[in-house]
């Protein structure tokens, strides 16, 4: 396992530090490429991530109460749907940005290095 995680867009040299809990197959997109994605898809992804985190927080806070509840299956199904929709949309954004980057249609500005005074 490497110490760094590369941006998931081919040809991008940006890397990120691997956190302690990161799996081997984790994917990360750098900010420059993320901004190339469609704004509506990024906004929807933000909503879905918020919903998935909501389920995760509820599970952590009330794990014992929910585990005894007969609604556990319903809760788990809703959580799975939210996570699956979030992951599917992330894959669509990644595919969209990969195509844009391959054709050089990069509309996200590069950061410019600050000139030493």
C-alpha atoms as a PDB file:
ATOM      1  CA  UNK A   1       0.000   0.000   0.000  1.00  0.00           C
ATOM      2  CA  UNK A   2       1.405   3.383  -1.002  1.00  0.00           C
ATOM      3  CA  UNK A   3       1.547   6.421   1.244  1.00  0.00           C
ATOM      4  CA  UNK A   4      -0.086   8.694  -1.342  1.00  0.00           C
ATOM      5  CA  UNK A   5      -3.376   8.504  -3.287  1.00  0.00           C
ATOM      6  CA  UNK A   6      -3.369   9.797  -6.868  1.00  0.00           C
ATOM      7  CA  UNK A   7      -6.162  11.845  -8.421  1.00  0.00           C
ATOM      8  CA  UNK A   8      -8.508   9.451 -10.239  1.00  0.00           C
ATOM      9  CA  UNK A   9      -8.291  11.393 -13.523  1.00  0.00           C
ATOM     10  CA  UNK A  10      -5.685   9.907 -15.890  1.00  0.00           C
ATOM     11  CA  UNK A  11      -2.748  12.200 -16.512  1.00  0.00           C
ATOM     12  CA  UNK A  12      -3.206  14.238 -13.342  1.00  0.00           C
ATOM     13  CA  UNK A  13      -0.164  14.249 -11.118  1.00  0.00           C
ATOM     14  CA  UNK A  14      -1.875  15.493  -7.951  1.00  0.00           C
ATOM     15  CA  UNK A  15      -1.551  13.212  -4.918  1.00  0.00           C
ATOM     16  CA  UNK A  16      -3.060  13.235  -1.458  1.00  0.00           C
ATOM     17  CA  UNK A  17      -1.957  11.865   1.891  1.00  0.00           C
ATOM     18  CA  UNK A  18      -3.495   8.513   2.778  1.00  0.00           C
ATOM     19  CA  UNK A  19      -5.411   8.641   6.041  1.00  0.00           C
ATOM     20  CA  UNK A  20      -5.270   5.825   8.590  1.00  0.00           C
ATOM     21  CA  UNK A  21      -8.717   4.402   7.754  1.00  0.00           C
ATOM     22  CA  UNK A  22      -8.506   4.628   3.953  1.00  0.00           C
ATOM     23  CA  UNK A  23      -8.986   1.420   1.999  1.00  0.00           C
ATOM     24  CA  UNK A  24      -6.635   0.375  -0.795  1.00  0.00           C
ATOM     25  CA  UNK A  25      -9.178   1.126  -3.543  1.00  0.00           C
ATOM     26  CA  UNK A  26     -10.170   4.619  -2.379  1.00  0.00           C
ATOM     27  CA  UNK A  27     -10.588   7.194  -5.159  1.00  0.00           C
ATOM     28  CA  UNK A  28     -10.023  10.935  -4.831  1.00  0.00           C
ATOM     29  CA  UNK A  29     -10.456  13.704  -7.361  1.00  0.00           C
ATOM     30  CA  UNK A  30      -8.379  16.877  -7.057  1.00  0.00           C
ATOM     31  CA  UNK A  31     -10.173  20.199  -6.705  1.00  0.00           C
ATOM     32  CA  UNK A  32      -9.261  21.391 -10.177  1.00  0.00           C
ATOM     33  CA  UNK A  33     -10.836  18.366 -11.806  1.00  0.00           C
ATOM     34  CA  UNK A  34     -13.815  18.348  -9.412  1.00  0.00           C
ATOM     35  CA  UNK A  35     -14.670  21.905 -10.501  1.00  0.00           C
ATOM     36  CA  UNK A  36     -14.695  20.703 -14.117  1.00  0.00           C
ATOM     37  CA  UNK A  37     -17.713  18.521 -13.320  1.00  0.00           C
ATOM     38  CA  UNK A  38     -21.228  19.664 -14.092  1.00  0.00           C
ATOM     39  CA  UNK A  39     -22.467  22.033 -11.366  1.00  0.00           C
ATOM     40  CA  UNK A  40     -25.906  20.396 -11.128  1.00  0.00           C
ATOM     41  CA  UNK A  41     -24.364  16.940 -10.655  1.00  0.00           C
ATOM     42  CA  UNK A  42     -21.961  18.268  -8.016  1.00  0.00           C
ATOM     43  CA  UNK A  43     -24.841  19.912  -6.140  1.00  0.00           C
ATOM     44  CA  UNK A  44     -26.877  16.701  -6.235  1.00  0.00           C
ATOM     45  CA  UNK A  45     -23.856  14.710  -5.048  1.00  0.00           C
ATOM     46  CA  UNK A  46     -23.540  17.105  -2.110  1.00  0.00           C
ATOM     47  CA  UNK A  47     -27.185  16.459  -1.178  1.00  0.00           C
ATOM     48  CA  UNK A  48     -26.743  12.691  -1.400  1.00  0.00           C
ATOM     49  CA  UNK A  49     -23.559  12.764   0.695  1.00  0.00           C
ATOM     50  CA  UNK A  50     -25.403  14.796   3.300  1.00  0.00           C
ATOM     51  CA  UNK A  51     -28.196  12.213   3.401  1.00  0.00           C
ATOM     52  CA  UNK A  52     -25.760   9.281   3.666  1.00  0.00           C
ATOM     53  CA  UNK A  53     -23.865  11.007   6.503  1.00  0.00           C
ATOM     54  CA  UNK A  54     -27.201  11.634   8.249  1.00  0.00           C
ATOM     55  CA  UNK A  55     -27.862   7.886   8.283  1.00  0.00           C
ATOM     56  CA  UNK A  56     -24.326   7.189   9.493  1.00  0.00           C
ATOM     57  CA  UNK A  57     -24.623   9.643  12.382  1.00  0.00           C
ATOM     58  CA  UNK A  58     -27.977   8.194  13.422  1.00  0.00           C
ATOM     59  CA  UNK A  59     -26.508   4.708  13.392  1.00  0.00           C
ATOM     60  CA  UNK A  60     -23.531   5.746  15.536  1.00  0.00           C
ATOM     61  CA  UNK A  61     -25.648   7.614  18.087  1.00  0.00           C
ATOM     62  CA  UNK A  62     -28.454   5.138  18.450  1.00  0.00           C
ATOM     63  CA  UNK A  63     -26.853   1.884  17.433  1.00  0.00           C
ATOM     64  CA  UNK A  64     -28.231  -0.108  20.345  1.00  0.00           C
ATOM     65  CA  UNK A  65     -31.720   1.374  20.096  1.00  0.00           C
ATOM     66  CA  UNK A  66     -31.894   0.887  16.329  1.00  0.00           C
ATOM     67  CA  UNK A  67     -30.471  -2.628  16.519  1.00  0.00           C
ATOM     68  CA  UNK A  68     -33.380  -3.674  18.743  1.00  0.00           C
ATOM     69  CA  UNK A  69     -35.922  -1.856  16.623  1.00  0.00           C
ATOM     70  CA  UNK A  70     -38.113  -3.757  14.153  1.00  0.00           C
ATOM     71  CA  UNK A  71     -37.487  -0.913  11.709  1.00  0.00           C
ATOM     72  CA  UNK A  72     -33.835  -1.938  11.327  1.00  0.00           C
ATOM     73  CA  UNK A  73     -34.379  -3.428   7.876  1.00  0.00           C
ATOM     74  CA  UNK A  74     -36.152  -0.295   6.633  1.00  0.00           C
ATOM     75  CA  UNK A  75     -33.402   1.926   8.047  1.00  0.00           C
ATOM     76  CA  UNK A  76     -30.686  -0.214   6.462  1.00  0.00           C
ATOM     77  CA  UNK A  77     -32.415  -0.229   3.077  1.00  0.00           C
ATOM     78  CA  UNK A  78     -32.784   3.559   3.060  1.00  0.00           C
ATOM     79  CA  UNK A  79     -29.141   3.975   4.057  1.00  0.00           C
ATOM     80  CA  UNK A  80     -28.020   1.577   1.305  1.00  0.00           C
ATOM     81  CA  UNK A  81     -30.084   3.434  -1.309  1.00  0.00           C
ATOM     82  CA  UNK A  82     -28.628   6.800  -0.283  1.00  0.00           C
ATOM     83  CA  UNK A  83     -25.062   5.463  -0.349  1.00  0.00           C
ATOM     84  CA  UNK A  84     -25.587   3.681  -3.688  1.00  0.00           C
ATOM     85  CA  UNK A  85     -27.060   6.804  -5.307  1.00  0.00           C
ATOM     86  CA  UNK A  86     -24.167   8.898  -3.997  1.00  0.00           C
ATOM     87  CA  UNK A  87     -21.576   6.443  -5.328  1.00  0.00           C
ATOM     88  CA  UNK A  88     -23.298   6.121  -8.707  1.00  0.00           C
ATOM     89  CA  UNK A  89     -23.408   9.877  -9.144  1.00  0.00           C
ATOM     90  CA  UNK A  90     -19.746  10.171  -8.167  1.00  0.00           C
ATOM     91  CA  UNK A  91     -18.904   7.641 -10.898  1.00  0.00           C
ATOM     92  CA  UNK A  92     -20.903   9.716 -13.421  1.00  0.00           C
ATOM     93  CA  UNK A  93     -19.053  12.870 -12.411  1.00  0.00           C
ATOM     94  CA  UNK A  94     -15.733  11.045 -12.706  1.00  0.00           C
ATOM     95  CA  UNK A  95     -16.629   9.769 -16.191  1.00  0.00           C
ATOM     96  CA  UNK A  96     -17.730  13.254 -17.271  1.00  0.00           C
ATOM     97  CA  UNK A  97     -14.519  14.875 -16.042  1.00  0.00           C
ATOM     98  CA  UNK A  98     -12.349  12.121 -17.539  1.00  0.00           C
ATOM     99  CA  UNK A  99     -13.830  12.794 -20.971  1.00  0.00           C
ATOM    100  CA  UNK A 100     -13.391  16.563 -20.602  1.00  0.00           C
ATOM    101  CA  UNK A 101      -9.785  16.148 -19.463  1.00  0.00           C
ATOM    102  CA  UNK A 102      -9.006  13.728 -22.313  1.00  0.00           C
ATOM    103  CA  UNK A 103     -10.209  16.215 -24.918  1.00  0.00           C
ATOM    104  CA  UNK A 104      -8.520  19.139 -23.211  1.00  0.00           C
ATOM    105  CA  UNK A 105     -11.775  20.976 -22.550  1.00  0.00           C
ATOM    106  CA  UNK A 106     -10.621  22.070 -19.130  1.00  0.00           C
ATOM    107  CA  UNK A 107     -12.653  25.040 -18.050  1.00  0.00           C
ATOM    108  CA  UNK A 108     -11.432  25.015 -14.449  1.00  0.00           C
ATOM    109  CA  UNK A 109      -8.571  27.482 -13.990  1.00  0.00           C
ATOM    110  CA  UNK A 110      -5.215  26.272 -12.812  1.00  0.00           C
ATOM    111  CA  UNK A 111      -3.867  27.728  -9.637  1.00  0.00           C
ATOM    112  CA  UNK A 112      -0.936  29.958 -10.323  1.00  0.00           C
ATOM    113  CA  UNK A 113       2.106  29.817  -8.153  1.00  0.00           C
ATOM    114  CA  UNK A 114       2.824  32.959  -6.233  1.00  0.00           C
ATOM    115  CA  UNK A 115       5.845  34.782  -7.544  1.00  0.00           C
ATOM    116  CA  UNK A 116       8.488  35.411  -4.885  1.00  0.00           C
ATOM    117  CA  UNK A 117       8.781  39.114  -4.136  1.00  0.00           C
END
